[in-house]
């Protein structure tokens, strides 16, 4: 058999014992359990025993004012709501009480009108407190659910990064087992693309916010791996990164990482022929609050985006497709070498 809910307990603090008895009877008819206190000290002594849901507090007390009581009450953790009782002409006192944390106020008058208004104010204070408790509980549950989801996402990103690293290692092993040069190059390029995507997931499982990636740190890792992978003996082109620490949505960071991988790889392969070396520069900066620019450039033989492609052209098609996914404006700038610029929203 379900237990009955406990009745609501009201503490009425007033140095007028006659009025206190009338309030006790009136609120009792509404189903409340009403206790009384004649002084602020008695009120705190009763509060210390617990079980009080609402306080009805008179302004004038023999031990001071209700405002002093309010100040001390709200220094305590989780105080019950207070309905402040004032004389009818003391509107400034009522305003001060509301500023001090009272839930409502009632003007003290003679007769049944005051008792009815006090009962309604107590009803509303109880309902408001219930709604606030439900809101706080809902917010706490949302926070807990979000924390659980973030823990799971971190674990997922950790596992995805490990799986992609394994795939990249398998591709490298396959490349090492093949003698045909074009096949080896194709597999090596595939490995760098996989590593660029894995890098995003590695950043995510160490990040506090899985919705975004700090792009400068991510690109630094991508370029470090590329420089190690692509610099053959006798050809040591240098990659320089100039990037602001901008948080970029995760899906866009993946596209940016692969675009940079393709363009830097192309610069290594084609910008400096005959085993010559040079700089390859990657720049990323915010152009406005919601937009950014990515630029990849070199000082090599140059290409303006037109004319026959070198190699298979797969890298250029990947860059075009990913630029479209970013809704980016692509520009090949007139420079001595090759300079590709992307403007997009973040």
Protein backbone atom coordinates (compact mmCIF):
# COMPACT_ATOMS: atom_id res chain seq x y z
CA UNK A 1 0.00 0.00 0.00
CA UNK A 2 1.41 3.40 -1.02
CA UNK A 3 2.34 5.71 1.84
CA UNK A 4 0.52 9.01 2.14
CA UNK A 5 2.59 12.15 1.45
CA UNK A 6 3.58 14.18 4.48
CA UNK A 7 1.52 17.36 5.03
CA UNK A 8 3.13 20.72 4.23
CA UNK A 9 4.58 22.39 7.33
CA UNK A 10 4.39 26.18 7.75
CA UNK A 11 6.32 28.21 10.30
CA UNK A 12 4.58 31.51 11.15
CA UNK A 13 6.87 34.01 12.95
CA UNK A 14 5.05 36.93 14.64
CA UNK A 15 5.25 38.45 18.11
CA UNK A 16 1.44 38.73 18.23
CA UNK A 17 0.27 35.42 19.75
CA UNK A 18 -3.40 36.17 19.10
CA UNK A 19 -2.85 36.69 15.36
CA UNK A 20 -0.55 33.67 15.29
CA UNK A 21 -3.41 31.48 16.55
CA UNK A 22 -5.77 32.86 13.88
CA UNK A 23 -3.19 32.14 11.16
CA UNK A 24 -2.68 28.65 12.56
CA UNK A 25 -6.42 27.89 12.35
CA UNK A 26 -6.87 29.48 8.90
CA UNK A 27 -3.95 27.69 7.27
CA UNK A 28 -4.87 24.50 9.11
CA UNK A 29 -8.18 24.50 7.27
CA UNK A 30 -6.18 24.43 4.02
CA UNK A 31 -4.53 21.21 5.13
CA UNK A 32 -1.25 22.70 6.35
CA UNK A 33 0.49 21.92 9.61
CA UNK A 34 1.25 25.31 11.15
CA UNK A 35 3.76 26.00 13.90
CA UNK A 36 4.41 29.42 15.41
CA UNK A 37 7.35 31.34 16.81
CA UNK A 38 7.26 34.68 18.64
CA UNK A 39 10.87 35.73 17.93
CA UNK A 40 13.49 35.29 15.26
CA UNK A 41 15.56 33.22 17.69
CA UNK A 42 12.67 30.82 18.26
CA UNK A 43 12.18 30.66 14.50
CA UNK A 44 15.78 29.58 13.88
CA UNK A 45 15.60 27.05 16.70
CA UNK A 46 12.60 25.45 15.00
CA UNK A 47 14.25 25.57 11.58
CA UNK A 48 17.28 23.77 12.99
CA UNK A 49 15.07 20.76 13.74
CA UNK A 50 14.09 20.59 10.06
CA UNK A 51 10.82 19.78 8.31
CA UNK A 52 9.66 23.33 7.55
CA UNK A 53 8.46 23.89 3.96
CA UNK A 54 7.45 27.58 4.04
CA UNK A 55 7.98 30.50 6.42
CA UNK A 56 5.45 33.30 6.91
CA UNK A 57 7.41 36.16 8.49
CA UNK A 58 6.13 39.37 10.07
CA UNK A 59 8.19 42.53 9.61
CA UNK A 60 8.07 43.82 13.18
CA UNK A 61 9.42 41.39 15.77
CA UNK A 62 10.33 42.03 19.39
CA UNK A 63 13.87 40.83 18.62
CA UNK A 64 14.35 43.04 15.51
CA UNK A 65 12.89 43.09 11.99
CA UNK A 66 12.01 40.39 9.54
CA UNK A 67 14.60 41.83 7.12
CA UNK A 68 17.34 40.97 9.62
CA UNK A 69 15.90 37.47 9.88
CA UNK A 70 15.85 37.18 6.08
CA UNK A 71 19.50 38.18 5.80
CA UNK A 72 20.55 35.52 8.30
CA UNK A 73 18.22 32.93 6.77
CA UNK A 74 19.66 33.30 3.26
CA UNK A 75 23.16 32.85 4.59
CA UNK A 76 22.10 29.25 5.25
CA UNK A 77 22.09 26.53 2.57
CA UNK A 78 18.76 25.77 0.85
CA UNK A 79 16.45 27.94 2.99
CA UNK A 80 12.66 27.45 2.66
CA UNK A 81 10.67 30.10 0.76
CA UNK A 82 9.44 33.09 2.77
CA UNK A 83 6.15 34.98 2.54
CA UNK A 84 6.79 38.40 4.08
CA UNK A 85 4.03 40.10 6.09
CA UNK A 86 4.01 43.91 6.25
CA UNK A 87 1.69 46.68 7.32
CA UNK A 88 -0.46 47.93 4.44
CA UNK A 89 1.40 51.26 4.03
CA UNK A 90 4.91 49.78 4.10
CA UNK A 91 5.43 49.17 0.37
CA UNK A 92 9.12 50.10 0.63
CA UNK A 93 9.56 47.37 3.22
CA UNK A 94 7.85 44.87 0.90
CA UNK A 95 10.22 45.80 -1.93
CA UNK A 96 13.22 45.43 0.40
CA UNK A 97 11.96 42.01 1.48
CA UNK A 98 11.63 40.80 -2.13
CA UNK A 99 15.14 42.04 -2.87
CA UNK A 100 16.37 40.20 0.22
CA UNK A 101 14.98 36.93 -1.13
CA UNK A 102 11.35 36.70 -0.02
CA UNK A 103 9.16 34.72 -2.43
CA UNK A 104 6.13 36.97 -1.93
CA UNK A 105 4.63 39.49 0.46
CA UNK A 106 1.21 40.10 2.00
CA UNK A 107 -0.11 43.35 3.43
CA UNK A 108 -1.35 42.83 6.99
CA UNK A 109 -4.95 43.99 7.36
CA UNK A 110 -7.75 43.22 9.77
CA UNK A 111 -10.30 40.50 9.23
CA UNK A 112 -10.50 37.52 6.91
CA UNK A 113 -8.98 39.31 3.92
CA UNK A 114 -5.47 39.08 5.35
CA UNK A 115 -5.86 35.39 6.20
CA UNK A 116 -7.14 34.62 2.71
CA UNK A 117 -4.32 36.55 1.03
CA UNK A 118 -1.75 34.86 3.27
CA UNK A 119 -3.17 31.43 2.41
CA UNK A 120 -2.99 32.18 -1.34
CA UNK A 121 0.57 33.50 -1.02
CA UNK A 122 1.61 30.34 0.84
CA UNK A 123 -0.03 28.19 -1.85
CA UNK A 124 1.89 30.03 -4.56
CA UNK A 125 5.18 29.88 -2.65
CA UNK A 126 4.81 26.11 -2.28
CA UNK A 127 4.02 25.68 -5.98
CA UNK A 128 6.93 27.91 -7.00
CA UNK A 129 9.31 25.94 -4.77
CA UNK A 130 8.04 22.68 -6.30
CA UNK A 131 8.62 23.95 -9.83
CA UNK A 132 12.12 25.14 -8.92
CA UNK A 133 12.94 21.74 -7.43
CA UNK A 134 11.70 20.02 -10.58
CA UNK A 135 13.71 22.43 -12.76
CA UNK A 136 16.84 21.84 -10.70
CA UNK A 137 16.33 18.08 -10.88
CA UNK A 138 15.77 18.22 -14.65
CA UNK A 139 18.90 20.36 -15.13
CA UNK A 140 20.91 17.95 -12.96
CA UNK A 141 19.65 14.97 -14.97
CA UNK A 142 20.54 16.74 -18.22
CA UNK A 143 24.05 17.48 -16.92
CA UNK A 144 24.50 13.90 -15.80
CA UNK A 145 23.23 12.56 -19.14
CA UNK A 146 25.55 14.93 -21.01
CA UNK A 147 28.51 13.85 -18.88
CA UNK A 148 27.74 10.19 -19.55
CA UNK A 149 27.42 10.89 -23.29
CA UNK A 150 30.73 12.75 -23.35
CA UNK A 151 32.47 9.87 -21.57
CA UNK A 152 31.04 7.46 -24.14
CA UNK A 153 32.05 9.73 -27.02
CA UNK A 154 35.59 9.99 -25.67
CA UNK A 155 35.76 6.21 -25.53
CA UNK A 156 34.33 5.90 -29.05
CA UNK A 157 36.85 8.41 -30.42
CA UNK A 158 39.66 6.58 -28.64
CA UNK A 159 38.65 3.29 -30.23
CA UNK A 160 38.10 4.83 -33.67
CA UNK A 161 41.53 6.47 -33.54
CA UNK A 162 43.13 3.15 -32.55
CA UNK A 163 41.25 1.31 -35.30
CA UNK A 164 42.27 3.86 -37.94
CA UNK A 165 45.87 3.67 -36.76
CA UNK A 166 45.68 -0.11 -37.22
CA UNK A 167 44.24 0.32 -40.73
CA UNK A 168 47.03 2.79 -41.59
CA UNK A 169 49.63 0.29 -40.34
CA UNK A 170 48.09 -2.48 -42.44
CA UNK A 171 48.15 -0.22 -45.52
CA UNK A 172 51.83 0.56 -44.86
CA UNK A 173 52.61 -3.15 -44.54
CA UNK A 174 50.83 -3.78 -47.84
CA UNK A 175 52.80 -0.97 -49.49
CA UNK A 176 56.05 -2.47 -48.24
CA UNK A 177 55.10 -5.82 -49.76
CA UNK A 178 54.51 -4.35 -53.24
CA UNK A 179 57.31 -3.67 -55.72
CA UNK A 180 55.35 -1.70 -58.33
CA UNK A 181 56.17 2.04 -57.71
CA UNK A 182 52.77 3.56 -58.62
CA UNK A 183 50.95 1.09 -56.38
CA UNK A 184 53.34 1.85 -53.53
CA UNK A 185 52.73 5.58 -53.96
CA UNK A 186 48.96 5.12 -54.06
CA UNK A 187 49.01 3.08 -50.85
CA UNK A 188 51.31 5.60 -49.16
CA UNK A 189 48.90 8.42 -50.03
CA UNK A 190 45.99 6.35 -48.73
CA UNK A 191 47.87 5.87 -45.48
CA UNK A 192 48.40 9.62 -45.02
CA UNK A 193 44.68 10.26 -45.62
CA UNK A 194 43.74 7.69 -42.99
CA UNK A 195 46.25 9.18 -40.56
CA UNK A 196 44.78 12.68 -41.06
CA UNK A 197 41.30 11.42 -40.10
CA UNK A 198 42.69 9.42 -37.18
CA UNK A 199 44.35 12.60 -35.93
CA UNK A 200 40.96 14.25 -35.44
CA UNK A 201 39.75 11.38 -33.27
CA UNK A 202 42.96 11.46 -31.23
CA UNK A 203 42.35 15.15 -30.56
CA UNK A 204 38.73 14.46 -29.63
CA UNK A 205 39.35 11.82 -26.98
CA UNK A 206 41.75 14.16 -25.17
CA UNK A 207 39.47 17.20 -25.56
CA UNK A 208 36.87 18.45 -23.08
CA UNK A 209 34.48 19.31 -25.93
CA UNK A 210 33.95 16.58 -28.54
CA UNK A 211 31.98 18.96 -30.74
CA UNK A 212 35.05 20.85 -31.88
CA UNK A 213 38.78 20.53 -32.54
CA UNK A 214 41.43 23.16 -31.82
CA UNK A 215 42.75 23.47 -35.34
CA UNK A 216 46.32 24.72 -34.78
CA UNK A 217 47.28 21.76 -32.60
CA UNK A 218 45.55 19.30 -34.92
CA UNK A 219 47.25 20.66 -38.05
CA UNK A 220 50.62 20.66 -36.29
CA UNK A 221 50.24 16.92 -35.65
CA UNK A 222 49.08 16.26 -39.23
CA UNK A 223 52.01 18.16 -40.73
CA UNK A 224 54.54 16.55 -38.41
CA UNK A 225 53.42 13.10 -39.57
CA UNK A 226 53.45 14.22 -43.21
CA UNK A 227 56.97 15.64 -42.95
CA UNK A 228 58.20 12.35 -41.46
CA UNK A 229 56.40 10.25 -44.07
CA UNK A 230 57.08 12.29 -47.21
CA UNK A 231 60.63 13.60 -46.81
CA UNK A 232 62.82 11.06 -48.64
CA UNK A 233 66.56 11.00 -48.39
CA UNK A 234 68.10 13.98 -50.19
CA UNK A 235 64.85 15.96 -50.42
CA UNK A 236 63.99 17.80 -47.22
CA UNK A 237 61.27 20.34 -47.91
CA UNK A 238 60.23 22.25 -44.79
CA UNK A 239 56.59 22.64 -43.76
CA UNK A 240 55.74 25.81 -41.89
CA UNK A 241 52.45 26.24 -40.02
CA UNK A 242 51.04 29.66 -39.17
CA UNK A 243 47.70 29.03 -37.47
CA UNK A 244 45.52 30.69 -34.88
CA UNK A 245 44.11 28.50 -32.06
CA UNK A 246 40.56 28.38 -33.42
CA UNK A 247 37.92 25.83 -32.36
CA UNK A 248 36.48 24.25 -35.52
CA UNK A 249 33.48 21.87 -35.65
CA UNK A 250 34.65 18.26 -35.77
CA UNK A 251 33.27 17.38 -39.20
CA UNK A 252 34.89 20.47 -40.74
CA UNK A 253 38.19 19.72 -39.02
CA UNK A 254 38.25 16.31 -40.74
CA UNK A 255 37.76 17.96 -44.16
CA UNK A 256 40.43 20.59 -43.40
CA UNK A 257 42.90 17.92 -42.31
CA UNK A 258 42.44 15.86 -45.47
CA UNK A 259 42.61 18.96 -47.73
CA UNK A 260 45.90 19.99 -46.10
CA UNK A 261 47.18 16.42 -46.44
CA UNK A 262 46.42 16.33 -50.17
CA UNK A 263 47.84 19.76 -50.97
CA UNK A 264 51.01 19.33 -48.93
CA UNK A 265 51.53 15.90 -50.48
CA UNK A 266 51.17 17.43 -53.95
CA UNK A 267 53.72 20.12 -53.06
CA UNK A 268 56.18 17.49 -51.92
CA UNK A 269 55.70 15.50 -55.12
CA UNK A 270 55.51 18.21 -57.76
CA UNK A 271 56.54 21.69 -56.51
CA UNK A 272 60.26 21.01 -56.29
CA UNK A 273 61.42 18.64 -59.04
CA UNK A 274 64.81 16.99 -59.49
CA UNK A 275 65.27 16.40 -55.73
CA UNK A 276 65.20 20.14 -55.00
CA UNK A 277 63.72 21.35 -51.72
CA UNK A 278 61.84 24.39 -50.49
CA UNK A 279 59.22 25.75 -48.12
CA UNK A 280 55.61 24.61 -47.95
CA UNK A 281 53.44 26.95 -45.87
CA UNK A 282 50.06 26.23 -44.29
CA UNK A 283 48.13 29.19 -42.89
CA UNK A 284 44.87 29.20 -40.96
CA UNK A 285 43.26 32.28 -39.45
CA UNK A 286 39.86 33.61 -38.55
CA UNK A 287 38.56 36.25 -40.98
CA UNK A 288 35.47 37.10 -38.91
CA UNK A 289 33.60 35.72 -35.93
CA UNK A 290 32.07 32.91 -38.00
CA UNK A 291 34.47 32.45 -40.91
CA UNK A 292 38.07 31.44 -41.55
CA UNK A 293 40.70 31.16 -44.27
CA UNK A 294 42.95 28.20 -45.04
CA UNK A 295 45.90 28.71 -47.38
CA UNK A 296 48.48 26.20 -48.60
CA UNK A 297 51.36 27.60 -50.66
CA UNK A 298 54.85 26.80 -51.91
CA UNK A 299 57.58 28.52 -53.96
CA UNK A 300 57.93 25.77 -56.53
CA UNK A 301 57.16 25.40 -60.21
CA UNK A 302 53.62 26.70 -59.71
CA UNK A 303 50.13 25.70 -60.75
CA UNK A 304 47.05 27.94 -61.08
CA UNK A 305 44.36 25.29 -60.99
CA UNK A 306 44.04 24.98 -64.75
CA UNK A 307 45.71 22.78 -67.31
CA UNK A 308 46.61 19.10 -67.20
CA UNK A 309 46.92 17.44 -63.81
CA UNK A 310 50.03 15.65 -62.71
CA UNK A 311 49.68 12.12 -61.44
CA UNK A 312 46.31 10.39 -61.24
CA UNK A 313 44.38 13.51 -60.24
CA UNK A 314 42.76 11.69 -57.29
CA UNK A 315 44.13 14.23 -54.82
CA UNK A 316 42.69 17.17 -56.75
CA UNK A 317 39.29 15.49 -56.91
CA UNK A 318 39.39 14.86 -53.15
CA UNK A 319 40.24 18.52 -52.50
CA UNK A 320 37.42 19.70 -54.76
CA UNK A 321 34.88 17.39 -53.10
CA UNK A 322 35.91 18.41 -49.56
CA UNK A 323 35.92 22.11 -50.45
CA UNK A 324 32.36 21.64 -51.70
CA UNK A 325 31.41 19.97 -48.38
CA UNK A 326 32.79 23.02 -46.55
CA UNK A 327 30.86 25.34 -48.89
CA UNK A 328 34.25 26.99 -49.37
CA UNK A 329 35.24 29.64 -51.88
CA UNK A 330 38.45 28.37 -53.54
CA UNK A 331 41.01 30.72 -55.09
CA UNK A 332 44.30 29.97 -56.81
CA UNK A 333 46.32 33.12 -56.16
CA UNK A 334 48.90 34.50 -58.55
CA UNK A 335 52.28 33.83 -56.95
CA UNK A 336 55.66 32.51 -58.00
CA UNK A 337 54.69 29.03 -56.85
CA UNK A 338 51.30 27.48 -56.05
CA UNK A 339 48.94 29.15 -53.58
CA UNK A 340 45.48 27.70 -52.88
CA UNK A 341 43.15 29.64 -50.60
CA UNK A 342 39.85 28.51 -49.04
CA UNK A 343 37.31 30.80 -47.35
CA UNK A 344 34.50 29.14 -45.40
CA UNK A 345 32.25 29.43 -42.38
CA UNK A 346 33.12 27.72 -39.11
